[in-house]
N, C-alpha and C. Protein backbone atom coordinates (compact mmCIF):
# COMPACT_ATOMS: atom_id res chain seq x y z
N MET A 1 -5.19 9.02 33.42
CA MET A 1 -6.13 9.36 32.51
C MET A 1 -5.88 8.60 31.26
N ARG A 2 -6.55 7.72 30.58
CA ARG A 2 -6.82 6.98 29.57
C ARG A 2 -7.48 8.03 27.99
N HIS A 3 -6.28 7.85 27.53
CA HIS A 3 -6.32 8.63 25.81
C HIS A 3 -7.22 7.62 25.08
N VAL A 4 -8.77 8.04 24.22
CA VAL A 4 -9.33 7.34 23.38
C VAL A 4 -9.38 7.85 21.94
N ARG A 5 -8.99 7.16 20.95
CA ARG A 5 -9.01 8.01 19.60
C ARG A 5 -10.03 8.33 19.01
N PRO A 6 -10.67 9.10 18.07
CA PRO A 6 -11.82 9.25 17.76
C PRO A 6 -12.61 8.20 17.29
N PRO A 7 -13.48 7.88 17.06
CA PRO A 7 -14.44 6.80 16.04
C PRO A 7 -13.66 6.88 14.81
N SER A 8 -13.51 7.69 13.65
CA SER A 8 -13.23 8.14 12.62
C SER A 8 -12.35 7.50 12.18
N VAL A 9 -10.95 7.75 13.35
CA VAL A 9 -9.20 6.93 12.90
C VAL A 9 -9.62 5.62 13.54
N SER A 10 -10.49 5.20 14.83
CA SER A 10 -10.06 3.28 15.20
C SER A 10 -10.97 2.87 13.81
N ALA A 11 -11.77 3.11 13.75
CA ALA A 11 -12.62 2.07 12.92
C ALA A 11 -12.11 2.77 11.30
N GLY A 12 -11.06 3.27 11.27
CA GLY A 12 -10.18 3.45 10.07
C GLY A 12 -11.15 3.78 9.19
N GLU A 13 -11.55 4.63 8.68
CA GLU A 13 -12.41 5.75 8.37
C GLU A 13 -12.19 7.03 7.56
N ALA A 14 -12.87 7.27 6.55
CA ALA A 14 -11.80 8.67 5.97
C ALA A 14 -12.59 9.49 6.54
N HIS A 15 -11.71 10.76 7.49
CA HIS A 15 -12.74 12.16 7.33
C HIS A 15 -11.72 12.70 7.69
N PRO A 16 -11.27 13.30 6.38
CA PRO A 16 -9.71 14.39 6.63
C PRO A 16 -10.02 15.62 7.30
N ALA A 17 -9.10 15.73 7.93
CA ALA A 17 -9.15 17.33 8.50
C ALA A 17 -9.68 18.40 7.91
N HIS A 18 -9.94 19.87 7.87
CA HIS A 18 -10.58 20.83 6.98
C HIS A 18 -8.98 21.59 7.39
N GLY A 19 -8.51 21.54 6.85
CA GLY A 19 -7.13 22.48 6.82
C GLY A 19 -6.16 21.77 5.85
N LEU A 20 -6.05 20.73 5.41
CA LEU A 20 -5.15 19.72 4.87
C LEU A 20 -4.86 20.10 3.35
N ASP A 21 -3.98 20.13 2.58
CA ASP A 21 -3.76 20.54 1.46
C ASP A 21 -4.52 19.80 0.47
N PRO A 22 -4.95 19.61 -0.38
CA PRO A 22 -5.64 18.88 -1.16
C PRO A 22 -4.69 17.61 -1.72
N ILE A 23 -3.63 17.72 -1.61
CA ILE A 23 -2.49 16.84 -2.23
C ILE A 23 -3.13 15.65 -1.13
N THR A 24 -2.84 15.92 0.21
CA THR A 24 -2.52 15.24 1.41
C THR A 24 -3.83 14.63 1.59
N GLU A 25 -5.15 14.94 1.33
CA GLU A 25 -6.64 14.82 0.80
C GLU A 25 -6.61 13.32 -0.11
N ASP A 26 -6.27 13.85 -1.20
CA ASP A 26 -5.93 12.41 -1.98
C ASP A 26 -5.22 11.37 -2.12
N LEU A 27 -3.57 11.62 -1.33
CA LEU A 27 -3.57 10.40 -1.10
C LEU A 27 -3.79 9.88 -0.22
N ARG A 28 -4.59 9.90 1.09
CA ARG A 28 -5.20 9.42 1.65
C ARG A 28 -6.87 9.00 1.87
N SER A 29 -7.32 9.02 0.20
CA SER A 29 -8.74 8.46 0.47
C SER A 29 -7.61 7.66 -0.73
N TYR A 30 -6.68 7.80 -1.80
CA TYR A 30 -6.04 6.57 -2.79
C TYR A 30 -5.93 5.36 -1.64
N ALA A 31 -5.02 5.62 -0.45
CA ALA A 31 -4.12 4.83 0.20
C ALA A 31 -5.41 4.19 1.42
N LEU A 32 -7.19 4.77 1.38
CA LEU A 32 -7.93 4.09 2.00
C LEU A 32 -8.25 3.59 1.31
N GLU A 33 -8.29 3.47 -0.34
CA GLU A 33 -8.87 3.07 -0.76
C GLU A 33 -8.37 1.85 -1.86
N LEU A 34 -6.73 1.61 -1.61
CA LEU A 34 -6.15 0.26 -0.94
C LEU A 34 -6.37 0.05 -0.13
N GLY A 35 -6.34 0.33 0.71
CA GLY A 35 -6.66 -0.49 2.53
C GLY A 35 -5.22 -0.45 3.03
N VAL A 36 -4.48 0.95 3.01
CA VAL A 36 -3.65 0.95 3.48
C VAL A 36 -3.76 0.96 5.09
N VAL A 37 -3.66 0.08 6.13
CA VAL A 37 -3.58 0.17 7.90
C VAL A 37 -3.46 0.99 7.81
N GLY A 38 -4.16 2.29 8.76
CA GLY A 38 -3.85 3.16 9.59
C GLY A 38 -3.74 4.56 8.98
N ALA A 39 -4.24 4.91 7.48
CA ALA A 39 -4.22 6.12 6.32
C ALA A 39 -4.97 7.10 6.57
N SER A 40 -5.78 7.44 7.82
CA SER A 40 -6.80 8.19 8.45
C SER A 40 -5.94 8.36 9.47
N ALA A 41 -4.79 8.42 9.71
CA ALA A 41 -4.33 8.68 10.44
C ALA A 41 -2.85 9.57 10.49
N MET A 42 -2.14 9.18 8.90
CA MET A 42 -0.61 9.20 8.72
C MET A 42 -0.62 11.03 7.94
N ASP A 43 0.40 11.25 8.21
CA ASP A 43 0.64 12.62 7.50
C ASP A 43 1.04 12.51 5.83
N LYS A 44 1.39 13.14 5.79
CA LYS A 44 1.78 13.17 4.02
C LYS A 44 3.24 12.60 3.46
N ASP A 45 3.55 12.49 4.78
CA ASP A 45 5.32 11.88 4.48
C ASP A 45 4.66 10.41 4.84
N GLU A 46 4.50 10.16 5.68
CA GLU A 46 3.81 8.49 5.57
C GLU A 46 2.96 7.99 4.89
N LEU A 47 2.01 8.73 4.11
CA LEU A 47 0.80 7.99 3.47
C LEU A 47 2.09 8.08 1.78
N VAL A 48 2.79 9.03 1.84
CA VAL A 48 3.90 9.36 0.19
C VAL A 48 4.43 8.31 0.13
N GLU A 49 5.11 7.62 2.05
CA GLU A 49 6.39 6.03 2.01
C GLU A 49 4.98 4.81 1.57
N SER A 50 4.10 4.64 2.47
CA SER A 50 3.05 3.47 2.51
C SER A 50 2.55 3.29 1.18
N LEU A 51 2.00 4.17 0.60
CA LEU A 51 1.84 4.07 -0.94
C LEU A 51 3.07 3.45 -1.59
N ARG A 52 4.33 4.27 -1.28
CA ARG A 52 5.57 4.09 -2.45
C ARG A 52 5.84 2.15 -1.99
N GLN A 53 5.98 1.65 -0.18
CA GLN A 53 5.45 0.85 0.15
C GLN A 53 4.85 -0.68 -0.62
N TYR A 54 3.62 0.07 -1.16
CA TYR A 54 2.65 -0.81 -1.77
C TYR A 54 2.56 -1.04 -3.23
N TYR A 55 3.19 0.29 -4.02
CA TYR A 55 3.30 -0.13 -5.20
C TYR A 55 4.48 -1.44 -5.04
N VAL A 56 5.82 -1.18 -4.58
CA VAL A 56 7.11 -1.65 -4.90
C VAL A 56 6.37 -2.83 -4.33
N LEU A 57 5.80 -4.00 -2.84
CA LEU A 57 5.26 -4.64 -3.20
C LEU A 57 4.44 -5.53 -4.45
N ARG A 58 3.60 -4.77 -4.71
CA ARG A 58 2.83 -5.40 -6.19
C ARG A 58 3.76 -5.69 -6.52
N LEU A 59 4.57 -5.13 -7.05
CA LEU A 59 5.36 -4.87 -8.15
C LEU A 59 6.55 -6.46 -8.28
N VAL A 60 6.39 -6.30 -6.99
CA VAL A 60 7.26 -7.86 -6.42
C VAL A 60 6.16 -9.05 -6.83
N LEU A 61 5.35 -8.75 -5.64
CA LEU A 61 4.38 -10.29 -5.87
C LEU A 61 3.65 -10.54 -7.80
N GLU A 62 3.57 -9.13 -8.78
CA GLU A 62 3.43 -9.50 -9.33
C GLU A 62 4.24 -10.43 -10.69
N ALA A 63 5.65 -10.37 -10.17
CA ALA A 63 7.17 -10.40 -11.08
C ALA A 63 7.19 -11.89 -10.82
N ALA A 64 7.08 -12.11 -9.24
CA ALA A 64 6.90 -14.00 -9.30
C ALA A 64 5.84 -14.26 -9.71
N LEU A 65 5.19 -13.93 -9.85
CA LEU A 65 4.10 -14.54 -10.28
C LEU A 65 4.07 -15.07 -12.12
N GLN A 66 4.94 -14.07 -12.19
CA GLN A 66 5.04 -14.25 -13.91
C GLN A 66 5.64 -15.87 -13.92
N PRO A 67 5.45 -16.34 -15.52
CA PRO A 67 6.09 -18.07 -15.68
C PRO A 67 7.50 -17.39 -16.06
N ARG A 68 8.61 -17.91 -16.01
CA ARG A 68 9.69 -17.92 -15.83
C ARG A 68 10.87 -19.45 -17.02
N PRO A 69 10.47 -18.51 -18.61
CA PRO A 69 10.71 -19.22 -19.26
C PRO A 69 12.43 -20.11 -19.10
N HIS A 70 12.92 -19.42 -18.31
CA HIS A 70 14.35 -19.54 -18.25
C HIS A 70 14.94 -21.04 -17.18
N VAL A 71 13.94 -20.78 -16.45
CA VAL A 71 14.24 -21.90 -15.39
C VAL A 71 13.39 -23.26 -16.19
N ALA A 72 12.27 -22.75 -16.91
CA ALA A 72 11.40 -24.89 -17.20
C ALA A 72 13.01 -25.45 -18.30
N ARG A 73 13.36 -24.24 -18.87
CA ARG A 73 14.14 -24.92 -20.02
C ARG A 73 15.27 -25.46 -19.20
N GLN A 74 15.67 -25.48 -18.56
CA GLN A 74 16.84 -26.13 -17.53
C GLN A 74 16.47 -27.03 -16.75
N ALA A 75 14.88 -27.06 -16.78
CA ALA A 75 14.89 -28.56 -15.92
C ALA A 75 14.72 -29.66 -17.15
N GLU A 76 14.37 -29.27 -18.71
CA GLU A 76 14.31 -30.15 -19.20
C GLU A 76 15.52 -30.46 -19.04
N PRO A 77 15.83 -32.16 -20.03
CA PRO A 77 16.71 -32.90 -20.07
C PRO A 77 17.79 -33.02 -21.47
N ILE A 78 18.96 -32.92 -20.99
CA ILE A 78 20.01 -32.50 -22.28
C ILE A 78 19.52 -34.14 -23.01
N VAL A 79 19.22 -34.03 -24.47
CA VAL A 79 19.75 -34.75 -25.63
C VAL A 79 20.79 -34.51 -26.09
N ALA A 80 21.57 -35.90 -26.63
CA ALA A 80 22.58 -35.64 -26.97
C ALA A 80 22.70 -36.02 -28.74
């Protein structure tokens, strides 16, 4: 027998199950706003880890896009 996921999970829509604690619901809502894939089917620990990874990735990308003045100085010729 083939298992079919409910439309809310497979479509990635937010339909929190009743009885979840408010923190998990808030984490799921925030993850869905950020576009975390599969957030609607994650438990609290998975949501926390996914959001942590999202935050770290964002910090790394922002740092990589910042100008690095010490690199530009090294490229200048040394005048004696």
